[in-house]
């Protein structure tokens, strides 16, 4: 089972810098300062690492690390 905190390393792999003081898995990506390209690059890393493809229509709903972790875990359980 993937935990949201496990996903910070994928942020780093996608060259996304988040201030340590801002690091909160329940903040939205926009609250963390990510733009749409950052989010896209992050989801590429999710696909590479976990084999979970995030469809375009899911991008807006999966807007926190908590929600992304839930999505990965749902895909793994299926």
Protein backbone atom coordinates (compact mmCIF):
# COMPACT_ATOMS: atom_id res chain seq x y z
CA UNK A 1 0.00 0.00 0.00
CA UNK A 2 1.35 3.37 -1.05
CA UNK A 3 1.18 6.25 1.40
CA UNK A 4 0.96 9.85 0.26
CA UNK A 5 4.30 10.67 1.89
CA UNK A 6 5.93 8.06 -0.35
CA UNK A 7 5.10 10.23 -3.37
CA UNK A 8 7.39 13.15 -2.46
CA UNK A 9 10.28 11.31 -4.13
CA UNK A 10 8.32 11.28 -7.40
CA UNK A 11 7.97 15.03 -7.12
CA UNK A 12 11.75 15.27 -6.94
CA UNK A 13 12.15 12.91 -9.91
CA UNK A 14 9.86 15.22 -11.90
CA UNK A 15 12.14 18.16 -10.94
CA UNK A 16 9.42 19.73 -8.79
CA UNK A 17 10.65 21.64 -5.78
CA UNK A 18 8.29 22.05 -2.86
CA UNK A 19 9.35 24.06 0.16
CA UNK A 20 9.69 21.80 3.20
CA UNK A 21 7.45 24.16 5.16
CA UNK A 22 4.75 23.70 2.49
CA UNK A 23 5.02 19.90 2.37
CA UNK A 24 1.54 18.71 3.26
CA UNK A 25 -0.08 15.77 1.48
CA UNK A 26 -3.55 17.29 1.80
CA UNK A 27 -2.71 20.58 0.10
CA UNK A 28 -3.77 20.84 -3.52
CA UNK A 29 -1.08 20.90 -6.15
CA UNK A 30 -1.87 24.55 -6.87
CA UNK A 31 -1.48 25.36 -3.15
CA UNK A 32 1.95 23.72 -3.35
CA UNK A 33 2.83 26.01 -6.27
CA UNK A 34 2.60 23.45 -9.07
CA UNK A 35 1.47 24.49 -12.52
CA UNK A 36 -0.19 22.21 -15.07
CA UNK A 37 3.14 21.13 -16.59
CA UNK A 38 4.44 20.17 -13.12
CA UNK A 39 1.32 18.09 -12.52
CA UNK A 40 1.65 16.42 -15.92
CA UNK A 41 5.30 15.57 -15.25
CA UNK A 42 4.39 14.21 -11.83
CA UNK A 43 1.74 11.92 -13.35
CA UNK A 44 4.32 10.69 -15.89
CA UNK A 45 6.46 9.66 -12.91
CA UNK A 46 3.44 7.95 -11.30
CA UNK A 47 2.91 5.98 -14.51
CA UNK A 48 6.61 5.05 -14.74
CA UNK A 49 6.93 4.04 -11.09
CA UNK A 50 3.58 2.35 -10.45
CA UNK A 51 2.14 1.61 -13.90
CA UNK A 52 -0.92 3.75 -13.16
CA UNK A 53 -2.06 5.85 -16.09
CA UNK A 54 -4.03 8.91 -15.04
CA UNK A 55 -6.57 9.88 -17.68
CA UNK A 56 -6.94 13.52 -18.68
CA UNK A 57 -10.39 13.69 -17.10
CA UNK A 58 -8.93 12.60 -13.73
CA UNK A 59 -6.32 15.37 -13.50
CA UNK A 60 -8.57 17.86 -11.74
CA UNK A 61 -9.99 15.36 -9.27
CA UNK A 62 -6.56 13.97 -8.33
CA UNK A 63 -5.28 17.26 -6.98
CA UNK A 64 -3.52 16.17 -3.75
CA UNK A 65 -0.93 13.54 -2.93
CA UNK A 66 -3.51 11.85 -0.69
CA UNK A 67 -5.89 11.42 -3.63
CA UNK A 68 -3.12 10.21 -5.92
CA UNK A 69 -2.06 7.61 -3.33
CA UNK A 70 -5.68 6.42 -3.06
CA UNK A 71 -5.87 6.12 -6.87
CA UNK A 72 -2.63 4.11 -7.01
CA UNK A 73 -3.86 1.80 -4.27
CA UNK A 74 -7.22 1.29 -6.01
CA UNK A 75 -5.43 0.37 -9.23
CA UNK A 76 -3.14 -2.03 -7.40
CA UNK A 77 -6.08 -3.75 -5.73
CA UNK A 78 -7.95 -4.25 -9.02
